[in-house]
Amino acid sequence: MLLKINPENPEERKIKQAAKVLDEGGVIIYPTDTVYGIGCDIFNQKAVERICRLRNLDPKKANLSFICKDLSQMADYLHQLDNQTFRLVKNNLPGPFTFILKSSNKVPKLFKNKKRTVGVRIPKNKIVLALVEYLGRPILTTSLKSDDELLEYFTDPSEIYDDFKKLVDIVIDGGVGGNVASTVVNCIGDEPELVRQGVGEIDL
């Protein structure tokens, strides 16, 4: 299903419809403040495994990421942050960043790689934040990469639907997506480390 949602004023009825699909173990494609992502309820193991197969990810090796609605929800899934890390995260979220942080015991087993780390995002995108709000739980997020030689990521929702309509339950059309992913910052060591420069500019 292709579901068009207003990016500035997401229709509550449509958000509830997509959140219900997530709640029932579905997989959806949705816009963020960077590129389009593919995700599911982080507590639905079958859905997480389905996405990992689709994206050729090994959960034991990959640093899986999820989207939270706000810093309060994010804190539930992380070990307590030191003051420096908390300030860095707070000053840059919501925004086009993924922070790699130590996960807490509340994070599902499938997300727990050998380093016990997880990537966390709070995008500045009303559609996906409303989805997480209605679901009541974070959603797995991984970028929707393209095989195109010029465009690294899918940007056109109608093209995404054509390619993925048999692989996912809903493709949300929230307008044309970006073609540069989030900036990734590893906060596990003594000092934060820039892992990937993306859309977000950050002062470390």
Protein backbone atom coordinates (compact mmCIF):
# COMPACT_ATOMS: atom_id res chain seq x y z
CA MET A 1 0.00 0.00 0.00
CA LEU A 2 1.18 3.50 -0.89
CA LEU A 3 0.02 5.90 1.82
CA LYS A 4 0.41 9.62 1.14
CA ILE A 5 0.79 11.64 4.36
CA ASN A 6 1.13 15.41 4.67
CA PRO A 7 4.71 16.04 5.91
CA GLU A 8 3.81 19.34 7.62
CA ASN A 9 0.50 18.28 9.15
CA PRO A 10 0.33 14.46 9.24
CA GLU A 11 -3.27 13.20 9.13
CA GLU A 12 -4.02 11.43 12.40
CA ARG A 13 -6.15 8.77 10.73
CA LYS A 14 -3.30 7.78 8.39
CA ILE A 15 -0.70 7.82 11.16
CA LYS A 16 -2.89 5.49 13.23
CA GLN A 17 -3.32 3.22 10.21
CA ALA A 18 0.46 2.91 9.72
CA ALA A 19 1.09 2.53 13.46
CA LYS A 20 -1.44 -0.32 13.58
CA VAL A 21 0.50 -2.14 10.85
CA LEU A 22 3.69 -1.73 12.90
CA ASP A 23 1.92 -2.93 16.05
CA GLU A 24 0.81 -6.06 14.21
CA GLY A 25 4.34 -6.91 13.08
CA GLY A 26 4.39 -5.14 9.73
CA VAL A 27 7.30 -3.54 7.90
CA ILE A 28 7.00 -0.04 6.49
CA ILE A 29 9.03 2.48 4.51
CA TYR A 30 8.86 6.07 5.74
CA PRO A 31 10.53 9.47 5.32
CA THR A 32 13.02 10.95 7.79
CA ASP A 33 14.83 14.28 7.83
CA THR A 34 17.55 12.69 5.66
CA VAL A 35 16.78 9.66 3.46
CA TYR A 36 13.85 7.26 3.35
CA GLY A 37 14.11 4.45 5.86
CA ILE A 38 12.67 0.99 6.33
CA GLY A 39 11.55 -0.06 9.79
CA CYS A 40 9.37 -2.00 12.19
CA ASP A 41 8.54 -2.31 15.88
CA ILE A 42 11.85 -3.11 17.60
CA PHE A 43 10.10 -5.66 19.83
CA ASN A 44 8.79 -7.75 16.94
CA GLN A 45 11.60 -10.22 16.32
CA LYS A 46 10.17 -11.64 13.09
CA ALA A 47 9.79 -8.17 11.59
CA VAL A 48 13.34 -7.21 12.61
CA GLU A 49 14.68 -10.43 11.06
CA ARG A 50 12.66 -9.73 7.91
CA ILE A 51 14.32 -6.32 7.52
CA CYS A 52 17.78 -7.75 8.22
CA ARG A 53 17.25 -10.29 5.42
CA LEU A 54 15.97 -7.58 3.10
CA ARG A 55 18.99 -5.37 3.76
CA ASN A 56 21.53 -8.21 4.13
CA LEU A 57 22.36 -7.20 7.69
CA ASP A 58 23.81 -9.48 10.36
CA PRO A 59 22.34 -8.31 13.69
CA LYS A 60 25.29 -9.76 15.61
CA LYS A 61 27.75 -7.61 13.67
CA ALA A 62 25.70 -4.64 12.51
CA ASN A 63 25.04 -1.65 14.72
CA LEU A 64 21.26 -1.65 14.39
CA SER A 65 19.57 1.70 14.93
CA PHE A 66 16.15 2.80 16.05
CA ILE A 67 14.08 5.97 16.16
CA CYS A 68 12.70 7.39 19.40
CA LYS A 69 10.08 10.11 19.78
CA ASP A 70 12.11 12.16 22.29
CA LEU A 71 15.05 12.15 24.71
CA SER A 72 12.92 10.73 27.52
CA GLN A 73 11.99 7.63 25.53
CA MET A 74 15.55 7.32 24.29
CA ALA A 75 16.90 7.25 27.86
CA ASP A 76 14.87 4.10 28.60
CA TYR A 77 16.96 2.10 26.14
CA LEU A 78 20.41 3.39 27.06
CA HIS A 79 22.90 3.14 29.87
CA GLN A 80 23.08 6.40 31.77
CA LEU A 81 24.96 8.98 29.73
CA ASP A 82 27.79 11.03 31.16
CA ASN A 83 27.30 14.81 31.18
CA GLN A 84 29.41 15.47 28.09
CA THR A 85 27.58 12.88 25.99
CA PHE A 86 24.17 13.99 27.24
CA ARG A 87 24.89 17.60 26.25
CA LEU A 88 26.10 16.52 22.80
CA VAL A 89 22.98 14.44 22.19
CA LYS A 90 20.58 17.02 23.64
CA ASN A 91 22.08 19.87 21.61
CA ASN A 92 21.76 18.00 18.30
CA LEU A 93 18.47 16.10 18.55
CA PRO A 94 15.97 16.18 16.97
CA GLY A 95 18.15 16.38 13.90
CA PRO A 96 19.98 14.47 11.14
CA PHE A 97 22.26 12.50 13.46
CA THR A 98 22.70 8.90 14.59
CA PHE A 99 24.46 8.49 17.94
CA ILE A 100 26.07 5.16 18.79
CA LEU A 101 25.60 4.57 22.52
CA LYS A 102 25.66 1.79 25.12
CA SER A 103 22.35 -0.06 25.18
CA SER A 104 20.40 -0.92 28.33
CA ASN A 105 18.76 -4.24 29.19
CA LYS A 106 15.47 -2.93 27.79
CA VAL A 107 16.83 -3.19 24.24
CA PRO A 108 15.60 -6.42 22.57
CA LYS A 109 18.07 -9.30 22.41
CA LEU A 110 18.31 -9.19 18.62
CA PHE A 111 19.80 -5.68 18.79
CA LYS A 112 22.55 -6.69 21.18
CA ASN A 113 25.75 -7.01 19.20
CA LYS A 114 29.02 -8.00 20.86
CA LYS A 115 29.75 -4.41 21.85
CA ARG A 116 26.29 -3.89 23.40
CA THR A 117 25.89 -0.70 21.41
CA VAL A 118 22.98 0.68 19.46
CA GLY A 119 22.41 3.57 17.09
CA VAL A 120 19.74 6.04 18.17
CA ARG A 121 17.94 8.70 16.10
CA ILE A 122 15.34 11.39 16.73
CA PRO A 123 14.77 12.79 13.24
CA LYS A 124 13.25 16.20 12.67
CA ASN A 125 10.38 14.71 10.68
CA LYS A 126 6.77 15.00 11.82
CA ILE A 127 5.56 11.82 10.11
CA VAL A 128 7.98 9.36 11.67
CA LEU A 129 7.85 11.03 15.09
CA ALA A 130 4.04 10.78 15.04
CA LEU A 131 4.34 7.10 14.11
CA VAL A 132 6.60 6.36 17.06
CA GLU A 133 4.30 8.37 19.32
CA TYR A 134 1.23 6.35 18.34
CA LEU A 135 3.07 3.03 18.43
CA GLY A 136 4.41 3.81 21.89
CA ARG A 137 7.71 2.06 21.15
CA PRO A 138 10.80 2.87 19.08
CA ILE A 139 11.03 1.62 15.51
CA LEU A 140 13.99 0.01 13.81
CA THR A 141 15.50 2.24 11.16
CA THR A 142 17.85 1.45 8.32
CA SER A 143 18.43 3.56 5.21
CA LEU A 144 16.82 2.57 1.94
CA LYS A 145 19.80 2.23 -0.37
CA SER A 146 19.47 2.31 -4.15
CA ASP A 147 21.39 0.37 -6.81
CA ASP A 148 21.47 3.49 -8.97
CA GLU A 149 24.98 4.59 -9.95
CA LEU A 150 24.15 8.27 -9.46
CA LEU A 151 21.77 8.21 -6.48
CA GLU A 152 22.91 6.28 -3.43
CA TYR A 153 19.46 6.34 -1.84
CA PHE A 154 15.89 6.14 -3.10
CA THR A 155 14.31 9.61 -3.15
CA ASP A 156 11.04 9.23 -5.10
CA PRO A 157 8.21 7.58 -3.09
CA SER A 158 6.47 6.29 -6.23
CA GLU A 159 9.68 4.57 -7.39
CA ILE A 160 10.15 3.16 -3.88
CA TYR A 161 6.63 1.74 -4.04
CA ASP A 162 7.24 0.17 -7.45
CA ASP A 163 10.37 -1.58 -6.17
CA PHE A 164 9.22 -2.56 -2.67
CA LYS A 165 5.44 -3.03 -2.81
CA LYS A 166 5.79 -6.82 -2.61
CA LEU A 167 8.43 -6.68 0.13
CA VAL A 168 6.86 -4.34 2.69
CA ASP A 169 3.37 -3.65 4.01
CA ILE A 170 3.22 0.13 3.58
CA VAL A 171 5.25 2.74 1.72
CA ILE A 172 4.57 6.19 3.15
CA ASP A 173 4.78 9.01 0.65
CA GLY A 174 5.94 12.03 2.61
CA GLY A 175 7.38 13.89 -0.34
CA VAL A 176 10.72 13.62 -2.11
CA GLY A 177 13.46 12.31 0.18
CA GLY A 178 17.06 13.39 0.54
CA ASN A 179 20.09 11.61 -0.89
CA VAL A 180 22.52 12.13 1.99
CA ALA A 181 22.20 10.02 5.14
CA SER A 182 22.53 11.09 8.77
CA THR A 183 25.83 12.00 10.38
CA VAL A 184 26.96 9.12 12.63
CA VAL A 185 28.79 9.84 15.88
CA ASN A 186 30.26 7.09 18.08
CA CYS A 187 29.98 8.06 21.75
CA ILE A 188 31.39 4.86 23.26
CA GLY A 189 35.02 5.91 23.80
CA ASP A 190 36.53 8.65 25.94
CA GLU A 191 35.82 11.21 23.23
CA PRO A 192 33.03 11.24 20.61
CA GLU A 193 34.21 10.10 17.18
CA LEU A 194 32.80 11.07 13.79
CA VAL A 195 32.08 7.79 11.98
CA ARG A 196 30.26 9.14 8.94
CA GLN A 197 29.77 12.71 7.77
CA GLY A 198 26.22 13.11 6.55
CA VAL A 199 23.71 15.94 6.45
CA GLY A 200 24.26 17.07 10.02
CA GLU A 201 27.17 19.34 10.92
CA ILE A 202 28.39 18.69 14.45
CA ASP A 203 31.00 20.36 16.64
CA LEU A 204 32.92 17.70 18.57
